[in-house]
Amino acid sequence: MRRHIAVFAVLALAVSAPVVLSAQDSNDVKPDRKEVRHDRRELRGDRKDIRHDTRDIRQDRRDVRQDLKNGDTTDARRDARDLRQDRRDRRHDVRDARRDRRDLRQDRKDVREDKREKKDSTN
């Protein structure tokens, strides 16, 4: 009796496994699309940070020049330190944006491949 139940269980799994696996394949596109949206959002944020840092750099340059013109070396040093920090921030944001663009390209490629696989499997 146990042998019959075991055989029945194995047959049931063998029959249902392809159906379960094909259902999982059809949902692969959805997480990839979410990744694309997430990467776009991060890229927009990085671009906004880069613009903000660029404005800060311009302002700090003006401040340093004005402080040196006025002979205020203490403020000029402080503004120069702030200028270096803003340049470092912008450099990191540019690096992050480059990584996000690369991730976005890869995720778009994954979505296209998933769509092709889905189309090929339905034929």
PDB file of N, CA and C in Angstrom:
ATOM      1  N   MET A   1       0.819  -1.192   0.000  1.00  0.00           N
ATOM      2  CA  MET A   1       0.000   0.000   0.000  1.00  0.00           C
ATOM      3  C   MET A   1       0.870   1.265   0.000  1.00  0.00           C
ATOM      4  N   ARG A   2       1.907   1.244   0.830  1.00  0.00           N
ATOM      5  CA  ARG A   2       2.792   2.411   0.876  1.00  0.00           C
ATOM      6  C   ARG A   2       3.494   2.619  -0.458  1.00  0.00           C
ATOM      7  N   ARG A   3       3.824   1.525  -1.100  1.00  0.00           N
ATOM      8  CA  ARG A   3       4.495   1.620  -2.386  1.00  0.00           C
ATOM      9  C   ARG A   3       3.591   2.296  -3.410  1.00  0.00           C
ATOM     10  N   HIS A   4       2.322   2.000  -3.388  1.00  0.00           N
ATOM     11  CA  HIS A   4       1.367   2.604  -4.325  1.00  0.00           C
ATOM     12  C   HIS A   4       1.240   4.107  -4.070  1.00  0.00           C
ATOM     13  N   ILE A   5       1.234   4.488  -2.809  1.00  0.00           N
ATOM     14  CA  ILE A   5       1.134   5.913  -2.462  1.00  0.00           C
ATOM     15  C   ILE A   5       2.394   6.642  -2.912  1.00  0.00           C
ATOM     16  N   ALA A   6       3.550   6.016  -2.690  1.00  0.00           N
ATOM     17  CA  ALA A   6       4.815   6.616  -3.095  1.00  0.00           C
ATOM     18  C   ALA A   6       4.884   6.781  -4.607  1.00  0.00           C
ATOM     19  N   VAL A   7       4.462   5.771  -5.341  1.00  0.00           N
ATOM     20  CA  VAL A   7       4.463   5.833  -6.802  1.00  0.00           C
ATOM     21  C   VAL A   7       3.502   6.924  -7.271  1.00  0.00           C
ATOM     22  N   PHE A   8       2.341   6.991  -6.642  1.00  0.00           N
ATOM     23  CA  PHE A   8       1.366   8.022  -7.006  1.00  0.00           C
ATOM     24  C   PHE A   8       1.932   9.414  -6.734  1.00  0.00           C
ATOM     25  N   ALA A   9       2.617   9.601  -5.607  1.00  0.00           N
ATOM     26  CA  ALA A   9       3.201  10.901  -5.264  1.00  0.00           C
ATOM     27  C   ALA A   9       4.279  11.299  -6.272  1.00  0.00           C
ATOM     28  N   VAL A  10       5.107  10.343  -6.650  1.00  0.00           N
ATOM     29  CA  VAL A  10       6.156  10.631  -7.624  1.00  0.00           C
ATOM     30  C   VAL A  10       5.542  10.996  -8.971  1.00  0.00           C
ATOM     31  N   LEU A  11       4.535  10.287  -9.395  1.00  0.00           N
ATOM     32  CA  LEU A  11       3.873  10.597 -10.661  1.00  0.00           C
ATOM     33  C   LEU A  11       3.192  11.969 -10.629  1.00  0.00           C
ATOM     34  N   ALA A  12       2.570  12.282  -9.507  1.00  0.00           N
ATOM     35  CA  ALA A  12       1.918  13.589  -9.368  1.00  0.00           C
ATOM     36  C   ALA A  12       2.940  14.711  -9.457  1.00  0.00           C
ATOM     37  N   LEU A  13       4.092  14.533  -8.801  1.00  0.00           N
ATOM     38  CA  LEU A  13       5.148  15.550  -8.872  1.00  0.00           C
ATOM     39  C   LEU A  13       5.716  15.664 -10.280  1.00  0.00           C
ATOM     40  N   ALA A  14       5.898  14.528 -10.930  1.00  0.00           N
ATOM     41  CA  ALA A  14       6.449  14.543 -12.283  1.00  0.00           C
ATOM     42  C   ALA A  14       5.518  15.254 -13.252  1.00  0.00           C
ATOM     43  N   VAL A  15       4.222  15.085 -13.066  1.00  0.00           N
ATOM     44  CA  VAL A  15       3.253  15.721 -13.949  1.00  0.00           C
ATOM     45  C   VAL A  15       3.125  17.214 -13.637  1.00  0.00           C
ATOM     46  N   SER A  16       3.169  17.591 -12.376  1.00  0.00           N
ATOM     47  CA  SER A  16       2.948  18.986 -12.002  1.00  0.00           C
ATOM     48  C   SER A  16       4.209  19.840 -12.093  1.00  0.00           C
ATOM     49  N   ALA A  17       5.389  19.269 -12.086  1.00  0.00           N
ATOM     50  CA  ALA A  17       6.630  20.046 -12.106  1.00  0.00           C
ATOM     51  C   ALA A  17       6.754  20.937 -13.340  1.00  0.00           C
ATOM     52  N   PRO A  18       6.515  20.442 -14.556  1.00  0.00           N
ATOM     53  CA  PRO A  18       6.635  21.333 -15.722  1.00  0.00           C
ATOM     54  C   PRO A  18       5.647  22.501 -15.687  1.00  0.00           C
ATOM     55  N   VAL A  19       4.466  22.258 -15.180  1.00  0.00           N
ATOM     56  CA  VAL A  19       3.469  23.331 -15.093  1.00  0.00           C
ATOM     57  C   VAL A  19       3.935  24.400 -14.121  1.00  0.00           C
ATOM     58  N   VAL A  20       4.462  23.991 -12.987  1.00  0.00           N
ATOM     59  CA  VAL A  20       4.940  24.942 -11.976  1.00  0.00           C
ATOM     60  C   VAL A  20       6.130  25.726 -12.515  1.00  0.00           C
ATOM     61  N   LEU A  21       7.057  25.043 -13.164  1.00  0.00           N
ATOM     62  CA  LEU A  21       8.238  25.720 -13.698  1.00  0.00           C
ATOM     63  C   LEU A  21       7.880  26.701 -14.804  1.00  0.00           C
ATOM     64  N   SER A  22       6.942  26.371 -15.657  1.00  0.00           N
ATOM     65  CA  SER A  22       6.557  27.299 -16.721  1.00  0.00           C
ATOM     66  C   SER A  22       5.829  28.511 -16.143  1.00  0.00           C
ATOM     67  N   ALA A  23       5.086  28.331 -15.088  1.00  0.00           N
ATOM     68  CA  ALA A  23       4.407  29.463 -14.438  1.00  0.00           C
ATOM     69  C   ALA A  23       5.425  30.395 -13.805  1.00  0.00           C
ATOM     70  N   GLN A  24       6.486  29.862 -13.261  1.00  0.00           N
ATOM     71  CA  GLN A  24       7.516  30.707 -12.666  1.00  0.00           C
ATOM     72  C   GLN A  24       8.264  31.469 -13.735  1.00  0.00           C
ATOM     73  N   ASP A  25       8.489  30.881 -14.888  1.00  0.00           N
ATOM     74  CA  ASP A  25       9.194  31.557 -15.966  1.00  0.00           C
ATOM     75  C   ASP A  25       8.421  32.768 -16.471  1.00  0.00           C
ATOM     76  N   SER A  26       7.118  32.693 -16.486  1.00  0.00           N
ATOM     77  CA  SER A  26       6.333  33.803 -17.007  1.00  0.00           C
ATOM     78  C   SER A  26       6.374  35.007 -16.075  1.00  0.00           C
ATOM     79  N   ASN A  27       6.707  34.816 -14.816  1.00  0.00           N
ATOM     80  CA  ASN A  27       6.768  35.932 -13.872  1.00  0.00           C
ATOM     81  C   ASN A  27       8.166  36.514 -13.760  1.00  0.00           C
ATOM     82  N   ASP A  28       9.135  36.035 -14.547  1.00  0.00           N
ATOM     83  CA  ASP A  28      10.494  36.549 -14.467  1.00  0.00           C
ATOM     84  C   ASP A  28      10.602  37.978 -14.976  1.00  0.00           C
ATOM     85  N   VAL A  29       9.725  38.401 -15.840  1.00  0.00           N
ATOM     86  CA  VAL A  29       9.802  39.736 -16.416  1.00  0.00           C
ATOM     87  C   VAL A  29       9.474  40.800 -15.373  1.00  0.00           C
ATOM     88  N   LYS A  30       8.559  40.512 -14.483  1.00  0.00           N
ATOM     89  CA  LYS A  30       8.104  41.512 -13.516  1.00  0.00           C
ATOM     90  C   LYS A  30       9.219  42.018 -12.593  1.00  0.00           C
ATOM     91  N   PRO A  31      10.019  41.140 -11.966  1.00  0.00           N
ATOM     92  CA  PRO A  31      11.105  41.670 -11.128  1.00  0.00           C
ATOM     93  C   PRO A  31      12.134  42.458 -11.932  1.00  0.00           C
ATOM     94  N   ASP A  32      12.384  42.050 -13.173  1.00  0.00           N
ATOM     95  CA  ASP A  32      13.341  42.786 -13.996  1.00  0.00           C
ATOM     96  C   ASP A  32      12.820  44.183 -14.313  1.00  0.00           C
ATOM     97  N   ARG A  33      11.529  44.300 -14.551  1.00  0.00           N
ATOM     98  CA  ARG A  33      10.958  45.627 -14.805  1.00  0.00           C
ATOM     99  C   ARG A  33      11.061  46.513 -13.564  1.00  0.00           C
ATOM    100  N   LYS A  34      10.872  45.912 -12.393  1.00  0.00           N
ATOM    101  CA  LYS A  34      11.024  46.678 -11.155  1.00  0.00           C
ATOM    102  C   LYS A  34      12.460  47.157 -11.000  1.00  0.00           C
ATOM    103  N   GLU A  35      13.406  46.309 -11.371  1.00  0.00           N
ATOM    104  CA  GLU A  35      14.816  46.696 -11.308  1.00  0.00           C
ATOM    105  C   GLU A  35      15.096  47.864 -12.249  1.00  0.00           C
ATOM    106  N   VAL A  36      14.491  47.853 -13.424  1.00  0.00           N
ATOM    107  CA  VAL A  36      14.681  48.946 -14.378  1.00  0.00           C
ATOM    108  C   VAL A  36      14.153  50.240 -13.780  1.00  0.00           C
ATOM    109  N   ARG A  37      12.955  50.196 -13.207  1.00  0.00           N
ATOM    110  CA  ARG A  37      12.388  51.399 -12.583  1.00  0.00           C
ATOM    111  C   ARG A  37      13.273  51.889 -11.443  1.00  0.00           C
ATOM    112  N   HIS A  38      13.749  50.961 -10.637  1.00  0.00           N
ATOM    113  CA  HIS A  38      14.602  51.315  -9.504  1.00  0.00           C
ATOM    114  C   HIS A  38      15.898  51.972  -9.988  1.00  0.00           C
ATOM    115  N   ASP A  39      16.514  51.416 -11.029  1.00  0.00           N
ATOM    116  CA  ASP A  39      17.751  51.987 -11.562  1.00  0.00           C
ATOM    117  C   ASP A  39      17.513  53.369 -12.162  1.00  0.00           C
ATOM    118  N   ARG A  40      16.376  53.549 -12.837  1.00  0.00           N
ATOM    119  CA  ARG A  40      16.064  54.877 -13.379  1.00  0.00           C
ATOM    120  C   ARG A  40      15.921  55.903 -12.262  1.00  0.00           C
ATOM    121  N   ARG A  41      15.245  55.501 -11.208  1.00  0.00           N
ATOM    122  CA  ARG A  41      15.047  56.400 -10.072  1.00  0.00           C
ATOM    123  C   ARG A  41      16.392  56.781  -9.445  1.00  0.00           C
ATOM    124  N   GLU A  42      17.264  55.804  -9.273  1.00  0.00           N
ATOM    125  CA  GLU A  42      18.587  56.092  -8.704  1.00  0.00           C
ATOM    126  C   GLU A  42      19.397  56.999  -9.620  1.00  0.00           C
ATOM    127  N   LEU A  43      19.292  56.773 -10.914  1.00  0.00           N
ATOM    128  CA  LEU A  43      20.034  57.594 -11.868  1.00  0.00           C
ATOM    129  C   LEU A  43      19.541  59.040 -11.837  1.00  0.00           C
ATOM    130  N   ARG A  44      18.233  59.226 -11.746  1.00  0.00           N
ATOM    131  CA  ARG A  44      17.695  60.592 -11.631  1.00  0.00           C
ATOM    132  C   ARG A  44      18.209  61.268 -10.369  1.00  0.00           C
ATOM    133  N   GLY A  45      18.241  60.533  -9.267  1.00  0.00           N
ATOM    134  CA  GLY A  45      18.753  61.094  -8.014  1.00  0.00           C
ATOM    135  C   GLY A  45      20.218  61.463  -8.106  1.00  0.00           C
ATOM    136  N   ASP A  46      21.004  60.612  -8.759  1.00  0.00           N
ATOM    137  CA  ASP A  46      22.432  60.914  -8.926  1.00  0.00           C
ATOM    138  C   ASP A  46      22.627  62.158  -9.787  1.00  0.00           C
ATOM    139  N   ARG A  47      21.850  62.269 -10.853  1.00  0.00           N
ATOM    140  CA  ARG A  47      21.968  63.455 -11.712  1.00  0.00           C
ATOM    141  C   ARG A  47      21.597  64.723 -10.954  1.00  0.00           C
ATOM    142  N   LYS A  48      20.580  64.630 -10.124  1.00  0.00           N
ATOM    143  CA  LYS A  48      20.174  65.788  -9.312  1.00  0.00           C
ATOM    144  C   LYS A  48      21.286  66.157  -8.333  1.00  0.00           C
ATOM    145  N   ASP A  49      21.899  65.162  -7.706  1.00  0.00           N
ATOM    146  CA  ASP A  49      23.008  65.420  -6.787  1.00  0.00           C
ATOM    147  C   ASP A  49      24.193  66.048  -7.518  1.00  0.00           C
ATOM    148  N   ILE A  50      24.470  65.591  -8.737  1.00  0.00           N
ATOM    149  CA  ILE A  50      25.581  66.153  -9.510  1.00  0.00           C
ATOM    150  C   ILE A  50      25.316  67.629  -9.813  1.00  0.00           C
ATOM    151  N   ARG A  51      24.087  67.940 -10.238  1.00  0.00           N
ATOM    152  CA  ARG A  51      23.747  69.354 -10.515  1.00  0.00           C
ATOM    153  C   ARG A  51      23.895  70.203  -9.259  1.00  0.00           C
ATOM    154  N   HIS A  52      23.435  69.679  -8.126  1.00  0.00           N
ATOM    155  CA  HIS A  52      23.521  70.417  -6.873  1.00  0.00           C
ATOM    156  C   HIS A  52      24.981  70.637  -6.482  1.00  0.00           C
ATOM    157  N   ASP A  53      25.792  69.605  -6.589  1.00  0.00           N
ATOM    158  CA  ASP A  53      27.209  69.734  -6.243  1.00  0.00           C
ATOM    159  C   ASP A  53      27.916  70.705  -7.179  1.00  0.00           C
ATOM    160  N   THR A  54      27.543  70.713  -8.459  1.00  0.00           N
ATOM    161  CA  THR A  54      28.156  71.638  -9.419  1.00  0.00           C
ATOM    162  C   THR A  54      27.825  73.080  -9.051  1.00  0.00           C
ATOM    163  N   ARG A  55      26.585  73.326  -8.655  1.00  0.00           N
ATOM    164  CA  ARG A  55      26.215  74.681  -8.206  1.00  0.00           C
ATOM    165  C   ARG A  55      27.002  75.071  -6.969  1.00  0.00           C
ATOM    166  N   ASP A  56      27.150  74.127  -6.026  1.00  0.00           N
ATOM    167  CA  ASP A  56      27.924  74.416  -4.813  1.00  0.00           C
ATOM    168  C   ASP A  56      29.382  74.707  -5.140  1.00  0.00           C
ATOM    169  N   ILE A  57      29.934  73.982  -6.091  1.00  0.00           N
ATOM    170  CA  ILE A  57      31.328  74.203  -6.480  1.00  0.00           C
ATOM    171  C   ILE A  57      31.497  75.606  -7.062  1.00  0.00           C
ATOM    172  N   ARG A  58      30.579  75.994  -7.924  1.00  0.00           N
ATOM    173  CA  ARG A  58      30.657  77.350  -8.504  1.00  0.00           C
ATOM    174  C   ARG A  58      30.591  78.413  -7.410  1.00  0.00           C
ATOM    175  N   GLN A  59      29.668  78.220  -6.470  1.00  0.00           N
ATOM    176  CA  GLN A  59      29.524  79.192  -5.386  1.00  0.00           C
ATOM    177  C   GLN A  59      30.782  79.221  -4.511  1.00  0.00           C
ATOM    178  N   ASP A  60      31.332  78.070  -4.215  1.00  0.00           N
ATOM    179  CA  ASP A  60      32.546  78.021  -3.384  1.00  0.00           C
ATOM    180  C   ASP A  60      33.723  78.677  -4.086  1.00  0.00           C
ATOM    181  N   ARG A  61      33.836  78.505  -5.401  1.00  0.00           N
ATOM    182  CA  ARG A  61      34.905  79.180  -6.143  1.00  0.00           C
ATOM    183  C   ARG A  61      34.771  80.696  -6.034  1.00  0.00           C
ATOM    184  N   ARG A  62      33.519  81.166  -6.201  1.00  0.00           N
ATOM    185  CA  ARG A  62      33.283  82.613  -6.069  1.00  0.00           C
ATOM    186  C   ARG A  62      33.641  83.097  -4.668  1.00  0.00           C
ATOM    187  N   ASP A  63      33.252  82.304  -3.669  1.00  0.00           N
ATOM    188  CA  ASP A  63      33.539  82.696  -2.281  1.00  0.00           C
ATOM    189  C   ASP A  63      35.034  82.739  -2.017  1.00  0.00           C
ATOM    190  N   VAL A  64      35.764  81.750  -2.513  1.00  0.00           N
ATOM    191  CA  VAL A  64      37.219  81.732  -2.298  1.00  0.00           C
ATOM    192  C   VAL A  64      37.858  82.946  -2.959  1.00  0.00           C
ATOM    193  N   ARG A  65      37.464  83.218  -4.208  1.00  0.00           N
ATOM    194  CA  ARG A  65      38.033  84.392  -4.904  1.00  0.00           C
ATOM    195  C   ARG A  65      37.709  85.686  -4.163  1.00  0.00           C
ATOM    196  N   GLN A  66      36.475  85.802  -3.692  1.00  0.00           N
ATOM    197  CA  GLN A  66      36.067  87.022  -2.983  1.00  0.00           C
ATOM    198  C   GLN A  66      36.824  87.153  -1.658  1.00  0.00           C
ATOM    199  N   ASP A  67      36.978  86.029  -0.937  1.00  0.00           N
ATOM    200  CA  ASP A  67      37.701  86.075   0.335  1.00  0.00           C
ATOM    201  C   ASP A  67      39.164  86.445   0.129  1.00  0.00           C
ATOM    202  N   LEU A  68      39.792  85.899  -0.911  1.00  0.00           N
ATOM    203  CA  LEU A  68      41.189  86.241  -1.184  1.00  0.00           C
ATOM    204  C   LEU A  68      41.311  87.696  -1.622  1.00  0.00           C
ATOM    205  N   LYS A  69      40.342  88.165  -2.368  1.00  0.00           N
ATOM    206  CA  LYS A  69      40.343  89.567  -2.810  1.00  0.00           C
ATOM    207  C   LYS A  69      40.232  90.506  -1.602  1.00  0.00           C
ATOM    208  N   ASN A  70      39.403  90.083  -0.619  1.00  0.00           N
ATOM    209  CA  ASN A  70      39.214  90.892   0.582  1.00  0.00           C
ATOM    210  C   ASN A  70      40.328  90.678   1.606  1.00  0.00           C
ATOM    211  N   GLY A  71      41.215  89.690   1.378  1.00  0.00           N
ATOM    212  CA  GLY A  71      42.323  89.432   2.297  1.00  0.00           C
ATOM    213  C   GLY A  71      41.935  88.570   3.482  1.00  0.00           C
ATOM    214  N   ASP A  72      40.822  87.901   3.423  1.00  0.00           N
ATOM    215  CA  ASP A  72      40.346  87.055   4.528  1.00  0.00           C
ATOM    216  C   ASP A  72      40.781  85.604   4.265  1.00  0.00           C
ATOM    217  N   THR A  73      41.996  85.276   4.728  1.00  0.00           N
ATOM    218  CA  THR A  73      42.546  83.944   4.433  1.00  0.00           C
ATOM    219  C   THR A  73      41.858  82.840   5.220  1.00  0.00           C
ATOM    220  N   THR A  74      41.363  83.137   6.409  1.00  0.00           N
ATOM    221  CA  THR A  74      40.690  82.112   7.214  1.00  0.00           C
ATOM    222  C   THR A  74      39.427  81.628   6.506  1.00  0.00           C
ATOM    223  N   ASP A  75      38.615  82.577   6.053  1.00  0.00           N
ATOM    224  CA  ASP A  75      37.402  82.200   5.318  1.00  0.00           C
ATOM    225  C   ASP A  75      37.751  81.539   3.985  1.00  0.00           C
ATOM    226  N   ALA A  76      38.829  81.992   3.358  1.00  0.00           N
ATOM    227  CA  ALA A  76      39.244  81.398   2.086  1.00  0.00           C
ATOM    228  C   ALA A  76      39.632  79.933   2.296  1.00  0.00           C
ATOM    229  N   ARG A  77      40.343  79.631   3.382  1.00  0.00           N
ATOM    230  CA  ARG A  77      40.709  78.242   3.688  1.00  0.00           C
ATOM    231  C   ARG A  77      39.472  77.393   3.941  1.00  0.00           C
ATOM    232  N   ARG A  78      38.542  77.938   4.695  1.00  0.00           N
ATOM    233  CA  ARG A  78      37.318  77.200   4.999  1.00  0.00           C
ATOM    234  C   ARG A  78      36.515  76.945   3.719  1.00  0.00           C
ATOM    235  N   ASP A  79      36.411  77.961   2.858  1.00  0.00           N
ATOM    236  CA  ASP A  79      35.694  77.778   1.594  1.00  0.00           C
ATOM    237  C   ASP A  79      36.435  76.818   0.662  1.00  0.00           C
ATOM    238  N   ALA A  80      37.756  76.828   0.689  1.00  0.00           N
ATOM    239  CA  ALA A  80      38.534  75.898  -0.133  1.00  0.00           C
ATOM    240  C   ALA A  80      38.323  74.462   0.351  1.00  0.00           C
ATOM    241  N   ARG A  81      38.231  74.280   1.660  1.00  0.00           N
ATOM    242  CA  ARG A  81      37.950  72.953   2.212  1.00  0.00           C
ATOM    243  C   ARG A  81      36.564  72.486   1.779  1.00  0.00           C
ATOM    244  N   ASP A  82      35.606  73.394   1.818  1.00  0.00           N
ATOM    245  CA  ASP A  82      34.252  73.073   1.369  1.00  0.00           C
ATOM    246  C   ASP A  82      34.239  72.762  -0.134  1.00  0.00           C
ATOM    247  N   LEU A  83      35.047  73.487  -0.895  1.00  0.00           N
ATOM    248  CA  LEU A  83      35.159  73.249  -2.328  1.00  0.00           C
ATOM    249  C   LEU A  83      35.703  71.848  -2.601  1.00  0.00           C
ATOM    250  N   ARG A  84      36.732  71.436  -1.868  1.00  0.00           N
ATOM    251  CA  ARG A  84      37.281  70.083  -2.039  1.00  0.00           C
ATOM    252  C   ARG A  84      36.241  69.022  -1.701  1.00  0.00           C
ATOM    253  N   GLN A  85      35.487  69.246  -0.643  1.00  0.00           N
ATOM    254  CA  GLN A  85      34.445  68.287  -0.252  1.00  0.00           C
ATOM    255  C   GLN A  85      33.366  68.175  -1.327  1.00  0.00           C
ATOM    256  N   ASP A  86      32.963  69.308  -1.889  1.00  0.00           N
ATOM    257  CA  ASP A  86      31.944  69.288  -2.941  1.00  0.00           C
ATOM    258  C   ASP A  86      32.464  68.582  -4.195  1.00  0.00           C
ATOM    259  N   ARG A  87      33.734  68.803  -4.525  1.00  0.00           N
ATOM    260  CA  ARG A  87      34.311  68.103  -5.680  1.00  0.00           C
ATOM    261  C   ARG A  87      34.361  66.599  -5.436  1.00  0.00           C
ATOM    262  N   ARG A  88      34.701  66.204  -4.226  1.00  0.00           N
ATOM    263  CA  ARG A  88      34.735  64.783  -3.882  1.00  0.00           C
ATOM    264  C   ARG A  88      33.329  64.182  -3.976  1.00  0.00           C
ATOM    265  N   ASP A  89      32.343  64.919  -3.462  1.00  0.00           N
ATOM    266  CA  ASP A  89      30.955  64.440  -3.548  1.00  0.00           C
ATOM    267  C   ASP A  89      30.512  64.276  -5.000  1.00  0.00           C
ATOM    268  N   ARG A  90      30.863  65.252  -5.832  1.00  0.00           N
ATOM    269  CA  ARG A  90      30.465  65.169  -7.239  1.00  0.00           C
ATOM    270  C   ARG A  90      31.147  63.993  -7.919  1.00  0.00           C
ATOM    271  N   ARG A  91      32.422  63.774  -7.606  1.00  0.00           N
ATOM    272  CA  ARG A  91      33.140  62.644  -8.202  1.00  0.00           C
ATOM    273  C   ARG A  91      32.483  61.318  -7.820  1.00  0.00           C
ATOM    274  N   HIS A  92      32.065  61.189  -6.564  1.00  0.00           N
ATOM    275  CA  HIS A  92      31.377  59.969  -6.125  1.00  0.00           C
ATOM    276  C   HIS A  92      30.011  59.821  -6.790  1.00  0.00           C
ATOM    277  N   ASP A  93      29.312  60.936  -6.945  1.00  0.00           N
ATOM    278  CA  ASP A  93      28.003  60.881  -7.613  1.00  0.00           C
ATOM    279  C   ASP A  93      28.144  60.493  -9.084  1.00  0.00           C
ATOM    280  N   VAL A  94      29.185  60.980  -9.737  1.00  0.00           N
ATOM    281  CA  VAL A  94      29.413  60.608 -11.138  1.00  0.00           C
ATOM    282  C   VAL A  94      29.710  59.117 -11.225  1.00  0.00           C
ATOM    283  N   ARG A  95      30.493  58.610 -10.299  1.00  0.00           N
ATOM    284  CA  ARG A  95      30.797  57.171 -10.285  1.00  0.00           C
ATOM    285  C   ARG A  95      29.525  56.355 -10.047  1.00  0.00           C
ATOM    286  N   ASP A  96      28.685  56.812  -9.120  1.00  0.00           N
ATOM    287  CA  ASP A  96      27.421  56.113  -8.858  1.00  0.00           C
ATOM    288  C   ASP A  96      26.517  56.133 -10.088  1.00  0.00           C
ATOM    289  N   ALA A  97      26.463  57.274 -10.777  1.00  0.00           N
ATOM    290  CA  ALA A  97      25.629  57.383 -11.966  1.00  0.00           C
ATOM    291  C   ALA A  97      26.132  56.429 -13.044  1.00  0.00           C
ATOM    292  N   ARG A  98      27.436  56.308 -13.174  1.00  0.00           N
ATOM    293  CA  ARG A  98      27.993  55.387 -14.170  1.00  0.00           C
ATOM    294  C   ARG A  98      27.587  53.949 -13.849  1.00  0.00           C
ATOM    295  N   ARG A  99      27.667  53.566 -12.575  1.00  0.00           N
ATOM    296  CA  ARG A  99      27.253  52.225 -12.171  1.00  0.00           C
ATOM    297  C   ARG A  99      25.762  52.006 -12.419  1.00  0.00           C
ATOM    298  N   ASP A 100      24.957  53.019 -12.111  1.00  0.00           N
ATOM    299  CA  ASP A 100      23.514  52.897 -12.312  1.00  0.00           C
ATOM    300  C   ASP A 100      23.169  52.766 -13.793  1.00  0.00           C
ATOM    301  N   ARG A 101      23.879  53.500 -14.653  1.00  0.00           N
ATOM    302  CA  ARG A 101      23.638  53.358 -16.096  1.00  0.00           C
ATOM    303  C   ARG A 101      23.987  51.952 -16.569  1.00  0.00           C
ATOM    304  N   ARG A 102      25.087  51.416 -16.059  1.00  0.00           N
ATOM    305  CA  ARG A 102      25.482  50.057 -16.433  1.00  0.00           C
ATOM    306  C   ARG A 102      24.442  49.050 -15.942  1.00  0.00           C
ATOM    307  N   ASP A 103      23.970  49.211 -14.699  1.00  0.00           N
ATOM    308  CA  ASP A 103      22.933  48.326 -14.174  1.00  0.00           C
ATOM    309  C   ASP A 103      21.645  48.436 -14.980  1.00  0.00           C
ATOM    310  N   LEU A 104      21.294  49.660 -15.358  1.00  0.00           N
ATOM    311  CA  LEU A 104      20.081  49.881 -16.139  1.00  0.00           C
ATOM    312  C   LEU A 104      20.175  49.181 -17.495  1.00  0.00           C
ATOM    313  N   ARG A 105      21.330  49.297 -18.150  1.00  0.00           N
ATOM    314  CA  ARG A 105      21.501  48.609 -19.433  1.00  0.00           C
ATOM    315  C   ARG A 105      21.358  47.096 -19.267  1.00  0.00           C
ATOM    316  N   GLN A 106      21.964  46.562 -18.210  1.00  0.00           N
ATOM    317  CA  GLN A 106      21.896  45.117 -17.989  1.00  0.00           C
ATOM    318  C   GLN A 106      20.463  44.677 -17.687  1.00  0.00           C
ATOM    319  N   ASP A 107      19.749  45.445 -16.883  1.00  0.00           N
ATOM    320  CA  ASP A 107      18.366  45.083 -16.556  1.00  0.00           C
ATOM    321  C   ASP A 107      17.462  45.173 -17.776  1.00  0.00           C
ATOM    322  N   ARG A 108      17.677  46.185 -18.621  1.00  0.00           N
ATOM    323  CA  ARG A 108      16.898  46.279 -19.859  1.00  0.00           C
ATOM    324  C   ARG A 108      17.177  45.080 -20.755  1.00  0.00           C
ATOM    325  N   LYS A 109      18.438  44.683 -20.804  1.00  0.00           N
ATOM    326  CA  LYS A 109      18.808  43.512 -21.599  1.00  0.00           C
ATOM    327  C   LYS A 109      18.125  42.262 -21.056  1.00  0.00           C
ATOM    328  N   ASP A 110      18.069  42.125 -19.724  1.00  0.00           N
ATOM    329  CA  ASP A 110      17.397  40.976 -19.114  1.00  0.00           C
ATOM    330  C   ASP A 110      15.911  40.955 -19.460  1.00  0.00           C
ATOM    331  N   VAL A 111      15.271  42.121 -19.442  1.00  0.00           N
ATOM    332  CA  VAL A 111      13.843  42.187 -19.772  1.00  0.00           C
ATOM    333  C   VAL A 111      13.625  41.757 -21.219  1.00  0.00           C
ATOM    334  N   ARG A 112      14.478  42.251 -22.134  1.00  0.00           N
ATOM    335  CA  ARG A 112      14.338  41.862 -23.545  1.00  0.00           C
ATOM    336  C   ARG A 112      14.538  40.360 -23.722  1.00  0.00           C
ATOM    337  N   GLU A 113      15.530  39.798 -23.040  1.00  0.00           N
ATOM    338  CA  GLU A 113      15.770  38.359 -23.154  1.00  0.00           C
ATOM    339  C   GLU A 113      14.602  37.554 -22.590  1.00  0.00           C
ATOM    340  N   ASP A 114      14.052  38.009 -21.468  1.00  0.00           N
ATOM    341  CA  ASP A 114      12.899  37.311 -20.888  1.00  0.00           C
ATOM    342  C   ASP A 114      11.701  37.360 -21.831  1.00  0.00           C
ATOM    343  N   LYS A 115      11.489  38.503 -22.474  1.00  0.00           N
ATOM    344  CA  LYS A 115      10.372  38.617 -23.415  1.00  0.00           C
ATOM    345  C   LYS A 115      10.572  37.688 -24.597  1.00  0.00           C
ATOM    346  N   ARG A 116      11.818  37.625 -25.096  1.00  0.00           N
ATOM    347  CA  ARG A 116      12.115  36.729 -26.222  1.00  0.00           C
ATOM    348  C   ARG A 116      11.893  35.278 -25.836  1.00  0.00           C
ATOM    349  N   GLU A 117      12.353  34.908 -24.639  1.00  0.00           N
ATOM    350  CA  GLU A 117      12.172  33.534 -24.180  1.00  0.00           C
ATOM    351  C   GLU A 117      10.693  33.199 -24.033  1.00  0.00           C
ATOM    352  N   LYS A 118       9.941  34.138 -23.511  1.00  0.00           N
ATOM    353  CA  LYS A 118       8.502  33.917 -23.336  1.00  0.00           C
ATOM    354  C   LYS A 118       7.824  33.766 -24.686  1.00  0.00           C
ATOM    355  N   LYS A 119       8.211  34.618 -25.654  1.00  0.00           N
ATOM    356  CA  LYS A 119       7.616  34.537 -26.984  1.00  0.00           C
ATOM    357  C   LYS A 119       8.011  33.217 -27.664  1.00  0.00           C
ATOM    358  N   ASP A 120       9.267  32.815 -27.489  1.00  0.00           N
ATOM    359  CA  ASP A 120       9.716  31.566 -28.112  1.00  0.00           C
ATOM    360  C   ASP A 120       9.043  30.340 -27.472  1.00  0.00           C
ATOM    361  N   SER A 121       8.783  30.414 -26.185  1.00  0.00           N
ATOM    362  CA  SER A 121       8.177  29.258 -25.509  1.00  0.00           C
ATOM    363  C   SER A 121       6.701  29.105 -25.858  1.00  0.00           C
ATOM    364  N   THR A 122       6.043  30.193 -26.276  1.00  0.00           N
ATOM    365  CA  THR A 122       4.621  30.085 -26.623  1.00  0.00           C
ATOM    366  C   THR A 122       4.437  29.555 -28.034  1.00  0.00           C
ATOM    367  N   ASN A 123       5.460  29.632 -28.870  1.00  0.00           N
ATOM    368  CA  ASN A 123       5.342  29.138 -30.254  1.00  0.00           C
ATOM    369  C   ASN A 123       5.447  27.653 -30.329  1.00  0.00           C
TER     370      ASN A 123
END
